[in-house]
Amino acid sequence: MDSNIMDEDWKAKEEDDLFELLRITIDRGQEPLRIDKFLMNRMEQTSRNKIQTAAAAGCVLVNGTAVKSNYKVKPGDEVQILLPERHEERTLLPEAIPLQIVYEDEALLVVDKPAGLVVHPGVGNYTGTLVNALLHHLGMDSMPGDPALRPGLVHRIDKNTSGLLVVAKTEWAMQHLARQFFEHTVYRRYRALVWGELEEQEGTITGNIARHARLRKQFDVYEDPEIGKHAVTHFKVLENLGYVSWVECRLETGRTHQIRVHMQHIGHPIFNDDTYGGDRIRKGTVYTKYKQFVDNCFKMMPRHALHAASLGFVHPDTGANMMFESELPEDYQEVLDKWRSYSRQIKEA
């Protein structure tokens, strides 16, 4: 078959979730062929077994409908397959990094990640990551090549964000969880301490997210629908604390830095977020005592105040609804309590 008779768009990627939605439009020259064999011929370094597992998990779609491995492609079909994201090949080694595992069975485990731990290997971070720690925990000597092509991570949280992550231990669990994240059926709730009092006690932030035009380590919100990827964050104020607010955020989509970017976009950056302007006084007085109070809070919690507190999903093997909660880390709780005390003092003054 002539390789030019297909229109391919391979990189429709969820930024924060470690998978790609690969799209192929079948042209008029294609003869009927089983979709698993067709995809294996078209996709380098992807086995037929991996494709069949994806199909069984509902991750292979034709014209928007999940199909089985024996479906025969025909001209005009719009094929989509959801697979783990590809990365630079590099051998990763196990490291004895302590992990707080809150649940584990044969299919998956749930980790309560501390702030400061990088989740996924990348440029400049090929050691000391959650993946290195998982290799040690699972008794694997090494992981050659791309870890995302093997059972493991289907989502991540930022280095300085604490909280819950689910990790797949089997190929089936990987595909099943990837589909749940892609379809936005995973329950994710974050706790964020943000600057200022929000005008509404609850609401929704919608805005495409893409790389910042000038600052390449940052992301920004764009009104132009042609720029960036669709992103939706729902929020609810838990406590108004004067110059800051404690907020619950629910992710509908999973984009890199999504909550941090969206909260900064509406004028309420996350407390001590040094990437999006939360590491300086944004609300409040200019008095020395207040400035000293804020600086003490920064020192007490030298990272942004964002915590992945709740995680819920359907178990890939049993079909049971799984729900996990994580308490605030000690540094976060101490800073929150200090703001509560300060807020009471302001009201009583």
Protein backbone atom coordinates (compact mmCIF):
# COMPACT_ATOMS: atom_id res chain seq x y z
CA MET A 1 0.00 0.00 0.00
CA ASP A 2 1.25 3.50 -0.81
CA SER A 3 2.18 5.27 2.41
CA ASN A 4 0.85 8.55 1.02
CA ILE A 5 -2.79 7.52 0.83
CA MET A 6 -3.40 8.22 4.51
CA ASP A 7 -3.83 11.51 6.32
CA GLU A 8 -2.18 11.18 9.75
CA ASP A 9 -2.31 13.48 12.79
CA TRP A 10 -0.37 11.67 15.49
CA LYS A 11 0.02 14.15 18.31
CA ALA A 12 -3.30 15.03 19.94
CA LYS A 13 -1.86 14.79 23.43
CA GLU A 14 -3.26 15.41 26.88
CA GLU A 15 -0.57 17.63 28.43
CA ASP A 16 -0.84 16.49 32.03
CA ASP A 17 -1.91 12.90 31.43
CA LEU A 18 0.75 10.59 30.05
CA PHE A 19 -0.93 9.34 26.92
CA GLU A 20 -1.54 10.34 23.32
CA LEU A 21 -4.63 10.13 21.16
CA LEU A 22 -3.38 9.04 17.74
CA ARG A 23 -5.64 9.79 14.76
CA ILE A 24 -5.61 8.23 11.29
CA THR A 25 -7.97 8.90 8.40
CA ILE A 26 -8.25 5.92 6.06
CA ASP A 27 -8.03 6.91 2.40
CA ARG A 28 -9.85 5.40 -0.55
CA GLY A 29 -7.00 3.05 -1.51
CA GLN A 30 -7.23 0.91 1.65
CA GLU A 31 -8.43 -2.68 1.28
CA PRO A 32 -10.37 -4.30 4.18
CA LEU A 33 -7.90 -5.35 6.91
CA ARG A 34 -8.18 -6.24 10.60
CA ILE A 35 -7.59 -3.10 12.59
CA ASP A 36 -5.02 -4.67 14.91
CA LYS A 37 -2.90 -5.79 11.96
CA PHE A 38 -3.41 -2.46 10.20
CA LEU A 39 -2.26 -0.46 13.24
CA MET A 40 0.69 -2.76 13.90
CA ASN A 41 1.86 -2.14 10.32
CA ARG A 42 1.53 1.59 10.69
CA MET A 43 2.91 2.13 14.21
CA GLU A 44 6.57 1.51 14.92
CA GLN A 45 7.55 -0.15 18.21
CA THR A 46 3.94 -1.06 19.01
CA SER A 47 3.14 -4.76 19.28
CA ARG A 48 -0.05 -6.41 18.12
CA ASN A 49 -0.67 -7.56 21.68
CA LYS A 50 -0.50 -3.96 22.92
CA ILE A 51 -2.98 -2.89 20.26
CA GLN A 52 -5.31 -5.77 21.12
CA THR A 53 -5.17 -4.85 24.81
CA ALA A 54 -6.02 -1.26 23.93
CA ALA A 55 -8.99 -2.44 21.86
CA ALA A 56 -10.25 -4.67 24.68
CA ALA A 57 -10.11 -1.65 27.03
CA GLY A 58 -12.17 0.45 24.61
CA CYS A 59 -9.19 2.57 23.54
CA VAL A 60 -9.46 1.88 19.80
CA LEU A 61 -12.25 3.78 18.12
CA VAL A 62 -13.56 3.99 14.58
CA ASN A 63 -15.80 6.93 13.73
CA GLY A 64 -16.13 7.64 17.46
CA THR A 65 -17.19 4.10 18.47
CA ALA A 66 -15.00 1.56 20.29
CA VAL A 67 -14.24 -1.50 18.16
CA LYS A 68 -12.71 -4.93 18.74
CA SER A 69 -9.44 -6.15 17.26
CA ASN A 70 -11.17 -8.02 14.43
CA TYR A 71 -12.87 -4.93 13.02
CA LYS A 72 -11.85 -4.44 9.38
CA VAL A 73 -10.92 -0.90 8.39
CA LYS A 74 -12.40 0.53 5.21
CA PRO A 75 -12.01 3.73 3.18
CA GLY A 76 -13.23 6.84 4.98
CA ASP A 77 -12.88 5.43 8.51
CA GLU A 78 -11.63 7.81 11.19
CA VAL A 79 -9.43 5.69 13.47
CA GLN A 80 -8.34 6.77 16.96
CA ILE A 81 -6.14 4.87 19.39
CA LEU A 82 -5.22 5.90 22.90
CA LEU A 83 -1.71 4.82 23.92
CA PRO A 84 0.93 5.82 26.50
CA GLU A 85 2.95 8.84 25.46
CA ARG A 86 6.33 8.21 23.86
CA HIS A 87 9.49 9.73 25.33
CA GLU A 88 13.20 9.66 24.74
CA GLU A 89 14.60 6.17 25.27
CA ARG A 90 16.84 5.89 28.31
CA THR A 91 17.53 3.12 30.79
CA LEU A 92 16.17 3.95 34.24
CA LEU A 93 17.49 2.32 37.40
CA PRO A 94 15.75 1.58 40.71
CA GLU A 95 16.42 3.88 43.65
CA ALA A 96 15.53 3.30 47.30
CA ILE A 97 13.39 6.42 47.62
CA PRO A 98 10.75 6.16 50.38
CA LEU A 99 7.18 5.98 49.12
CA GLN A 100 3.92 6.42 50.98
CA ILE A 101 1.70 3.79 49.37
CA VAL A 102 -1.91 4.08 50.51
CA TYR A 103 -3.25 1.16 48.45
CA GLU A 104 -1.83 -1.69 46.37
CA ASP A 105 -3.09 -4.84 44.68
CA GLU A 106 -2.10 -6.94 41.67
CA ALA A 107 -3.36 -4.34 39.17
CA LEU A 108 -2.38 -0.97 40.56
CA LEU A 109 -1.15 1.10 43.46
CA VAL A 110 -1.95 4.56 44.80
CA VAL A 111 0.87 6.78 46.04
CA ASP A 112 0.68 9.84 48.27
CA LYS A 113 3.49 11.89 46.73
CA PRO A 114 5.43 14.40 48.84
CA ALA A 115 6.21 17.87 47.52
CA GLY A 116 9.63 18.02 45.90
CA LEU A 117 9.50 14.62 44.20
CA VAL A 118 9.50 14.69 40.39
CA VAL A 119 6.96 12.22 39.01
CA HIS A 120 8.10 11.43 35.51
CA PRO A 121 11.66 11.25 34.13
CA GLY A 122 12.59 14.02 31.73
CA VAL A 123 15.43 16.27 30.66
CA GLY A 124 17.54 16.94 33.76
CA ASN A 125 15.52 14.50 35.91
CA TYR A 126 16.45 10.93 35.03
CA THR A 127 17.20 10.02 38.64
CA GLY A 128 15.44 10.71 41.90
CA THR A 129 11.96 10.45 40.37
CA LEU A 130 8.82 8.60 41.37
CA VAL A 131 9.46 6.13 38.54
CA ASN A 132 12.91 5.29 39.96
CA ALA A 133 11.28 4.72 43.34
CA LEU A 134 8.59 2.51 41.80
CA LEU A 135 11.23 0.35 40.09
CA HIS A 136 12.78 -0.31 43.50
CA HIS A 137 9.41 -0.97 45.14
CA LEU A 138 8.36 -3.40 42.41
CA GLY A 139 11.70 -5.21 42.47
CA MET A 140 12.63 -4.37 38.87
CA ASP A 141 16.35 -4.23 38.12
CA SER A 142 15.95 -1.66 35.37
CA MET A 143 13.49 -0.30 32.85
CA PRO A 144 15.09 -0.01 29.42
CA GLY A 145 13.62 2.50 27.03
CA ASP A 146 10.53 4.54 27.65
CA PRO A 147 8.75 3.80 30.95
CA ALA A 148 5.49 5.22 29.58
CA LEU A 149 5.35 2.37 27.05
CA ARG A 150 5.11 -0.09 29.95
CA PRO A 151 2.69 -0.41 32.87
CA GLY A 152 3.06 2.65 35.06
CA LEU A 153 2.00 6.27 34.99
CA VAL A 154 -1.11 7.59 33.25
CA HIS A 155 -1.08 11.02 34.91
CA ARG A 156 1.25 13.22 36.92
CA ILE A 157 1.29 16.14 39.30
CA ASP A 158 3.88 18.90 39.49
CA LYS A 159 7.10 18.43 41.43
CA ASN A 160 6.08 20.83 44.21
CA THR A 161 2.46 19.68 44.34
CA SER A 162 1.76 17.01 46.95
CA GLY A 163 -0.91 14.33 46.91
CA LEU A 164 -2.42 11.29 45.26
CA LEU A 165 -1.38 9.44 42.11
CA VAL A 166 -2.57 6.10 40.71
CA VAL A 167 -0.01 3.83 39.05
CA ALA A 168 -0.86 0.85 36.85
CA LYS A 169 0.99 -2.44 37.32
CA THR A 170 -0.39 -4.30 34.30
CA GLU A 171 -0.89 -3.49 30.64
CA TRP A 172 -4.66 -3.91 31.02
CA ALA A 173 -4.83 -1.56 34.00
CA MET A 174 -2.73 0.98 32.10
CA GLN A 175 -5.11 1.07 29.14
CA HIS A 176 -8.26 1.01 31.28
CA LEU A 177 -7.09 3.91 33.46
CA ALA A 178 -5.85 5.87 30.43
CA ARG A 179 -9.35 5.71 28.97
CA GLN A 180 -10.87 6.98 32.22
CA PHE A 181 -8.50 9.94 32.33
CA PHE A 182 -9.10 10.72 28.67
CA GLU A 183 -12.88 10.64 29.11
CA HIS A 184 -12.59 12.85 32.25
CA THR A 185 -14.41 10.34 34.47
CA VAL A 186 -11.64 10.22 37.11
CA TYR A 187 -12.59 12.10 40.29
CA ARG A 188 -9.85 14.60 41.17
CA ARG A 189 -10.10 17.26 43.88
CA TYR A 190 -7.28 19.62 44.87
CA ARG A 191 -6.92 21.98 47.83
CA ALA A 192 -5.37 25.34 46.95
CA LEU A 193 -4.53 28.33 49.12
CA VAL A 194 -4.83 31.34 46.83
CA TRP A 195 -4.32 35.07 47.12
CA GLY A 196 -7.37 37.28 47.68
CA GLU A 197 -11.09 36.72 48.18
CA LEU A 198 -12.92 35.39 45.14
CA GLU A 199 -15.98 37.30 43.98
CA GLU A 200 -17.99 34.08 43.62
CA GLN A 201 -18.03 31.27 46.16
CA GLU A 202 -18.02 28.70 43.39
CA GLY A 203 -17.69 28.73 39.65
CA THR A 204 -15.91 27.45 36.55
CA ILE A 205 -12.79 28.70 34.79
CA THR A 206 -12.63 27.90 31.08
CA GLY A 207 -9.73 28.91 28.88
CA ASN A 208 -7.34 27.28 26.44
CA ILE A 209 -3.88 26.65 27.86
CA ALA A 210 -0.64 26.79 25.86
CA ARG A 211 3.00 27.71 26.34
CA HIS A 212 3.56 31.33 27.31
CA ALA A 213 4.51 33.44 24.30
CA ARG A 214 7.77 34.64 25.90
CA LEU A 215 8.41 32.59 29.05
CA ARG A 216 8.89 29.02 27.88
CA LYS A 217 8.74 27.46 31.34
CA GLN A 218 5.31 28.93 31.91
CA PHE A 219 1.87 28.40 30.43
CA ASP A 220 -0.83 30.96 29.74
CA VAL A 221 -4.56 31.22 28.97
CA TYR A 222 -5.56 32.16 25.42
CA GLU A 223 -8.94 33.38 24.24
CA ASP A 224 -8.21 32.35 20.64
CA PRO A 225 -9.75 28.85 20.23
CA GLU A 226 -7.03 27.99 17.72
CA ILE A 227 -4.29 28.40 20.34
CA GLY A 228 -3.63 25.81 23.04
CA LYS A 229 -5.82 23.06 24.42
CA HIS A 230 -9.28 23.28 25.94
CA ALA A 231 -9.12 23.39 29.76
CA VAL A 232 -11.84 23.53 32.43
CA THR A 233 -11.39 23.94 36.19
CA HIS A 234 -14.29 24.04 38.66
CA PHE A 235 -13.72 25.75 42.02
CA LYS A 236 -15.47 26.17 45.35
CA VAL A 237 -14.34 28.41 48.20
CA LEU A 238 -13.94 26.44 51.44
CA GLU A 239 -12.85 29.35 53.65
CA ASN A 240 -12.41 33.10 53.21
CA LEU A 241 -9.35 34.09 55.24
CA GLY A 242 -9.09 37.79 54.55
CA TYR A 243 -6.14 38.26 52.24
CA VAL A 244 -6.15 34.63 51.09
CA SER A 245 -8.78 31.97 50.41
CA TRP A 246 -8.75 28.22 50.79
CA VAL A 247 -10.29 26.71 47.66
CA GLU A 248 -11.25 23.29 46.35
CA CYS A 249 -10.52 22.79 42.64
CA ARG A 250 -11.96 20.00 40.49
CA LEU A 251 -10.22 19.17 37.24
CA GLU A 252 -12.43 18.45 34.25
CA THR A 253 -9.41 18.35 31.94
CA GLY A 254 -5.77 17.62 32.71
CA ARG A 255 -3.34 20.20 31.34
CA THR A 256 0.13 21.04 32.54
CA HIS A 257 -0.05 23.57 35.43
CA GLN A 258 -3.81 23.83 34.81
CA ILE A 259 -4.98 24.93 38.28
CA ARG A 260 -1.98 27.21 38.76
CA VAL A 261 -2.50 28.89 35.37
CA HIS A 262 -6.28 29.22 35.71
CA MET A 263 -6.12 30.69 39.22
CA GLN A 264 -3.46 33.19 38.13
CA HIS A 265 -5.61 34.06 35.10
CA ILE A 266 -8.54 35.16 37.28
CA GLY A 267 -6.25 37.18 39.55
CA HIS A 268 -5.86 34.70 42.41
CA PRO A 269 -2.47 32.97 42.04
CA ILE A 270 -1.67 30.11 44.38
CA PHE A 271 0.14 31.14 47.55
CA ASN A 272 3.94 30.95 47.16
CA ASP A 273 3.78 29.83 43.52
CA ASP A 274 7.09 31.26 42.30
CA THR A 275 6.23 30.50 38.66
CA TYR A 276 2.94 32.39 38.51
CA GLY A 277 3.53 35.31 40.85
CA GLY A 278 2.23 33.87 44.09
CA ASP A 279 5.59 34.20 45.87
CA ARG A 280 5.07 37.88 46.65
CA ILE A 281 2.39 39.80 48.49
CA ARG A 282 -0.61 40.12 46.17
CA LYS A 283 -3.27 41.17 48.67
CA GLY A 284 -3.04 42.96 51.98
CA THR A 285 -1.30 45.85 53.68
CA VAL A 286 2.24 47.20 53.34
CA TYR A 287 2.93 47.22 57.07
CA THR A 288 6.16 45.59 58.23
CA LYS A 289 4.44 43.15 60.62
CA TYR A 290 2.18 41.85 57.84
CA LYS A 291 5.11 41.47 55.45
CA GLN A 292 7.03 39.57 58.12
CA PHE A 293 4.01 37.32 58.69
CA VAL A 294 3.80 36.47 54.97
CA ASP A 295 7.56 35.89 54.71
CA ASN A 296 7.37 33.51 57.66
CA CYS A 297 4.63 31.58 55.87
CA PHE A 298 6.77 31.38 52.74
CA LYS A 299 9.67 30.00 54.78
CA MET A 300 7.42 27.54 56.56
CA MET A 301 6.13 26.15 53.25
CA PRO A 302 8.79 26.85 50.59
CA ARG A 303 6.62 25.68 47.67
CA HIS A 304 3.20 26.42 46.21
CA ALA A 305 0.16 25.59 48.33
CA LEU A 306 -1.49 22.97 46.11
CA HIS A 307 -2.41 19.47 47.24
CA ALA A 308 -4.07 16.60 45.33
CA ALA A 309 -6.43 15.62 48.12
CA SER A 310 -8.98 13.28 46.49
CA LEU A 311 -8.72 10.64 43.78
CA GLY A 312 -11.45 8.33 42.54
CA PHE A 313 -11.66 5.88 39.63
CA VAL A 314 -13.15 2.56 38.55
CA HIS A 315 -10.92 -0.43 39.28
CA PRO A 316 -9.82 -1.95 35.94
CA ASP A 317 -10.23 -5.55 37.13
CA THR A 318 -13.15 -5.52 39.55
CA GLY A 319 -15.22 -2.59 38.30
CA ALA A 320 -15.44 -1.29 41.87
CA ASN A 321 -15.50 2.44 42.54
CA MET A 322 -12.25 3.32 44.32
CA MET A 323 -11.94 6.52 46.36
CA PHE A 324 -8.91 7.84 48.25
CA GLU A 325 -8.32 10.91 50.42
CA SER A 326 -5.04 12.48 51.48
CA GLU A 327 -4.57 14.72 54.50
CA LEU A 328 -2.75 18.01 54.09
CA PRO A 329 1.03 17.76 54.58
CA GLU A 330 2.34 19.23 57.82
CA ASP A 331 3.84 22.36 56.23
CA TYR A 332 0.62 23.13 54.38
CA GLN A 333 -1.52 22.58 57.49
CA GLU A 334 0.69 24.86 59.58
CA VAL A 335 0.47 27.70 57.06
CA LEU A 336 -3.29 27.28 56.72
CA ASP A 337 -3.67 27.41 60.51
CA LYS A 338 -1.52 30.55 60.68
CA TRP A 339 -3.78 32.28 58.15
CA ARG A 340 -6.85 31.18 60.08
CA SER A 341 -5.42 32.69 63.24
CA TYR A 342 -4.41 35.89 61.43
CA SER A 343 -7.86 36.18 59.87
CA ARG A 344 -9.52 35.92 63.32
CA GLN A 345 -7.22 38.64 64.67
CA ILE A 346 -8.17 40.96 61.79
CA LYS A 347 -11.88 40.42 62.37
CA GLU A 348 -11.57 40.98 66.13
CA ALA A 349 -9.45 44.12 65.79
